[in-house]
């Protein structure tokens, strides 16, 4: 299993990529003519990143019920 520092580094990278995609999608939609298929692909990638981020967060910060 990967160590905690590697997981945290991955989490930071994925979170930044997620934010970048959000900005790219917003900019693309604001443009006069945009490709709906491209927007859908970016949104799908963004959702995949969110799932990966959630899995990493679950590994790093497990829910412990007292």
N, C-alpha and C. Protein backbone atom coordinates (compact mmCIF):
# COMPACT_ATOMS: atom_id res chain seq x y z
N UNK A 1 0.84 -1.19 0.00
CA UNK A 1 0.00 0.00 0.00
C UNK A 1 0.89 1.26 0.00
N UNK A 2 0.41 2.25 -0.66
CA UNK A 2 1.17 3.50 -0.75
C UNK A 2 1.17 4.21 0.60
N UNK A 3 2.22 4.95 0.84
CA UNK A 3 2.26 5.65 2.12
C UNK A 3 1.37 6.89 2.09
N UNK A 4 1.17 7.43 3.25
CA UNK A 4 0.23 8.54 3.43
C UNK A 4 0.66 9.77 2.64
N UNK A 5 1.95 10.05 2.61
CA UNK A 5 2.43 11.23 1.88
C UNK A 5 2.16 11.12 0.38
N UNK A 6 2.32 9.94 -0.18
CA UNK A 6 2.04 9.75 -1.61
C UNK A 6 0.56 9.92 -1.89
N UNK A 7 -0.28 9.42 -0.99
CA UNK A 7 -1.73 9.57 -1.16
C UNK A 7 -2.13 11.04 -1.08
N UNK A 8 -1.54 11.75 -0.15
CA UNK A 8 -1.84 13.19 -0.01
C UNK A 8 -1.40 13.96 -1.25
N UNK A 9 -0.24 13.60 -1.79
CA UNK A 9 0.26 14.26 -3.00
C UNK A 9 -0.68 14.00 -4.17
N UNK A 10 -1.13 12.76 -4.31
CA UNK A 10 -2.10 12.43 -5.37
C UNK A 10 -3.38 13.22 -5.20
N UNK A 11 -3.82 13.33 -3.94
CA UNK A 11 -5.05 14.06 -3.65
C UNK A 11 -4.94 15.52 -4.07
N UNK A 12 -3.81 16.13 -3.79
CA UNK A 12 -3.59 17.53 -4.17
C UNK A 12 -3.61 17.68 -5.69
N UNK A 13 -2.95 16.77 -6.39
CA UNK A 13 -2.89 16.83 -7.85
C UNK A 13 -4.29 16.65 -8.45
N UNK A 14 -5.03 15.66 -7.96
CA UNK A 14 -6.37 15.41 -8.49
C UNK A 14 -7.32 16.57 -8.19
N UNK A 15 -7.19 17.14 -7.01
CA UNK A 15 -8.05 18.28 -6.65
C UNK A 15 -7.77 19.47 -7.55
N UNK A 16 -6.50 19.73 -7.84
CA UNK A 16 -6.15 20.83 -8.74
C UNK A 16 -6.66 20.57 -10.15
N UNK A 17 -6.52 19.34 -10.61
CA UNK A 17 -7.01 19.00 -11.95
C UNK A 17 -8.53 19.17 -12.02
N UNK A 18 -9.23 18.81 -10.93
CA UNK A 18 -10.68 18.96 -10.86
C UNK A 18 -11.07 20.43 -10.98
N UNK A 19 -10.35 21.29 -10.25
CA UNK A 19 -10.60 22.74 -10.31
C UNK A 19 -10.32 23.29 -11.71
N UNK A 20 -9.23 22.83 -12.31
CA UNK A 20 -8.87 23.29 -13.66
C UNK A 20 -9.94 22.90 -14.67
N UNK A 21 -10.45 21.69 -14.55
CA UNK A 21 -11.53 21.25 -15.46
C UNK A 21 -12.77 22.10 -15.27
N UNK A 22 -13.07 22.43 -14.02
CA UNK A 22 -14.23 23.27 -13.74
C UNK A 22 -14.09 24.62 -14.44
N UNK A 23 -12.91 25.19 -14.35
CA UNK A 23 -12.66 26.48 -15.02
C UNK A 23 -12.72 26.34 -16.53
N UNK A 24 -12.17 25.25 -17.06
CA UNK A 24 -12.19 25.03 -18.51
C UNK A 24 -13.61 24.87 -19.02
N UNK A 25 -14.43 24.14 -18.28
CA UNK A 25 -15.83 23.94 -18.68
C UNK A 25 -16.57 25.27 -18.67
N UNK A 26 -16.37 26.05 -17.63
CA UNK A 26 -17.04 27.35 -17.54
C UNK A 26 -16.62 28.27 -18.69
N UNK A 27 -15.34 28.30 -18.99
CA UNK A 27 -14.84 29.14 -20.09
C UNK A 27 -15.38 28.67 -21.43
N UNK A 28 -15.44 27.37 -21.61
CA UNK A 28 -15.94 26.81 -22.86
C UNK A 28 -17.42 27.15 -23.06
N UNK A 29 -18.20 27.06 -22.01
CA UNK A 29 -19.63 27.35 -22.10
C UNK A 29 -19.87 28.84 -22.38
N UNK A 30 -19.00 29.70 -21.85
CA UNK A 30 -19.15 31.14 -22.07
C UNK A 30 -18.81 31.55 -23.49
N UNK A 31 -18.06 30.73 -24.20
CA UNK A 31 -17.69 31.08 -25.56
C UNK A 31 -18.92 31.07 -26.46
N UNK A 32 -18.85 31.82 -27.53
CA UNK A 32 -20.00 31.99 -28.43
C UNK A 32 -20.50 30.66 -28.98
N UNK A 33 -19.61 29.86 -29.49
CA UNK A 33 -20.01 28.55 -29.99
C UNK A 33 -19.10 27.50 -29.38
N UNK A 34 -19.70 26.52 -28.77
CA UNK A 34 -18.90 25.48 -28.15
C UNK A 34 -19.46 24.11 -28.53
N UNK A 35 -18.61 23.14 -28.43
CA UNK A 35 -18.96 21.77 -28.77
C UNK A 35 -19.56 21.08 -27.55
N UNK A 36 -20.84 20.76 -27.63
CA UNK A 36 -21.52 20.12 -26.50
C UNK A 36 -20.88 18.78 -26.15
N UNK A 37 -20.42 18.06 -27.14
CA UNK A 37 -19.78 16.77 -26.89
C UNK A 37 -18.49 16.96 -26.09
N UNK A 38 -17.74 17.98 -26.41
CA UNK A 38 -16.52 18.27 -25.66
C UNK A 38 -16.84 18.61 -24.21
N UNK A 39 -17.89 19.39 -24.00
CA UNK A 39 -18.30 19.75 -22.64
C UNK A 39 -18.71 18.49 -21.87
N UNK A 40 -19.45 17.60 -22.51
CA UNK A 40 -19.86 16.37 -21.86
C UNK A 40 -18.66 15.51 -21.48
N UNK A 41 -17.68 15.44 -22.36
CA UNK A 41 -16.47 14.67 -22.06
C UNK A 41 -15.70 15.26 -20.88
N UNK A 42 -15.60 16.58 -20.85
CA UNK A 42 -14.92 17.24 -19.74
C UNK A 42 -15.67 17.01 -18.43
N UNK A 43 -16.98 17.07 -18.49
CA UNK A 43 -17.78 16.84 -17.28
C UNK A 43 -17.65 15.39 -16.80
N UNK A 44 -17.57 14.47 -17.74
CA UNK A 44 -17.39 13.06 -17.38
C UNK A 44 -16.03 12.86 -16.72
N UNK A 45 -15.00 13.49 -17.28
CA UNK A 45 -13.66 13.41 -16.69
C UNK A 45 -13.67 14.02 -15.29
N UNK A 46 -14.37 15.14 -15.14
CA UNK A 46 -14.45 15.82 -13.85
C UNK A 46 -15.13 14.92 -12.81
N UNK A 47 -16.18 14.24 -13.22
CA UNK A 47 -16.89 13.32 -12.32
C UNK A 47 -15.99 12.15 -11.92
N UNK A 48 -15.22 11.64 -12.89
CA UNK A 48 -14.28 10.56 -12.60
C UNK A 48 -13.22 11.02 -11.59
N UNK A 49 -12.73 12.22 -11.76
CA UNK A 49 -11.77 12.77 -10.82
C UNK A 49 -12.37 12.91 -9.43
N UNK A 50 -13.62 13.34 -9.37
CA UNK A 50 -14.29 13.49 -8.08
C UNK A 50 -14.40 12.14 -7.38
N UNK A 51 -14.71 11.09 -8.13
CA UNK A 51 -14.78 9.75 -7.55
C UNK A 51 -13.42 9.32 -7.01
N UNK A 52 -12.37 9.59 -7.76
CA UNK A 52 -11.02 9.24 -7.32
C UNK A 52 -10.63 10.03 -6.07
N UNK A 53 -11.00 11.30 -6.03
CA UNK A 53 -10.72 12.15 -4.87
C UNK A 53 -11.44 11.60 -3.64
N UNK A 54 -12.69 11.22 -3.80
CA UNK A 54 -13.46 10.66 -2.69
C UNK A 54 -12.83 9.38 -2.16
N UNK A 55 -12.37 8.51 -3.05
CA UNK A 55 -11.73 7.26 -2.62
C UNK A 55 -10.45 7.54 -1.84
N UNK A 56 -9.65 8.49 -2.33
CA UNK A 56 -8.43 8.84 -1.61
C UNK A 56 -8.74 9.45 -0.25
N UNK A 57 -9.74 10.31 -0.20
CA UNK A 57 -10.12 10.91 1.08
C UNK A 57 -10.60 9.85 2.06
N UNK A 58 -11.32 8.86 1.56
CA UNK A 58 -11.77 7.77 2.43
C UNK A 58 -10.60 6.97 2.98
N UNK A 59 -9.55 6.78 2.16
CA UNK A 59 -8.36 6.07 2.63
C UNK A 59 -7.60 6.89 3.67
N UNK A 60 -7.51 8.19 3.42
CA UNK A 60 -6.74 9.05 4.31
C UNK A 60 -7.49 9.41 5.60
N UNK A 61 -8.79 9.60 5.48
CA UNK A 61 -9.59 10.05 6.61
C UNK A 61 -10.80 9.15 6.81
N UNK A 62 -10.57 7.93 7.30
CA UNK A 62 -11.70 6.99 7.46
C UNK A 62 -12.71 7.49 8.51
N UNK A 63 -13.96 7.14 8.29
CA UNK A 63 -15.00 7.47 9.26
C UNK A 63 -14.92 6.48 10.42
N UNK A 64 -14.61 7.00 11.57
CA UNK A 64 -14.54 6.15 12.75
C UNK A 64 -15.67 6.56 13.69
N UNK A 65 -16.57 5.62 13.87
CA UNK A 65 -17.71 5.90 14.75
C UNK A 65 -17.31 5.50 16.17
N UNK A 66 -17.43 6.46 17.07
CA UNK A 66 -17.01 6.22 18.46
C UNK A 66 -18.00 5.39 19.23
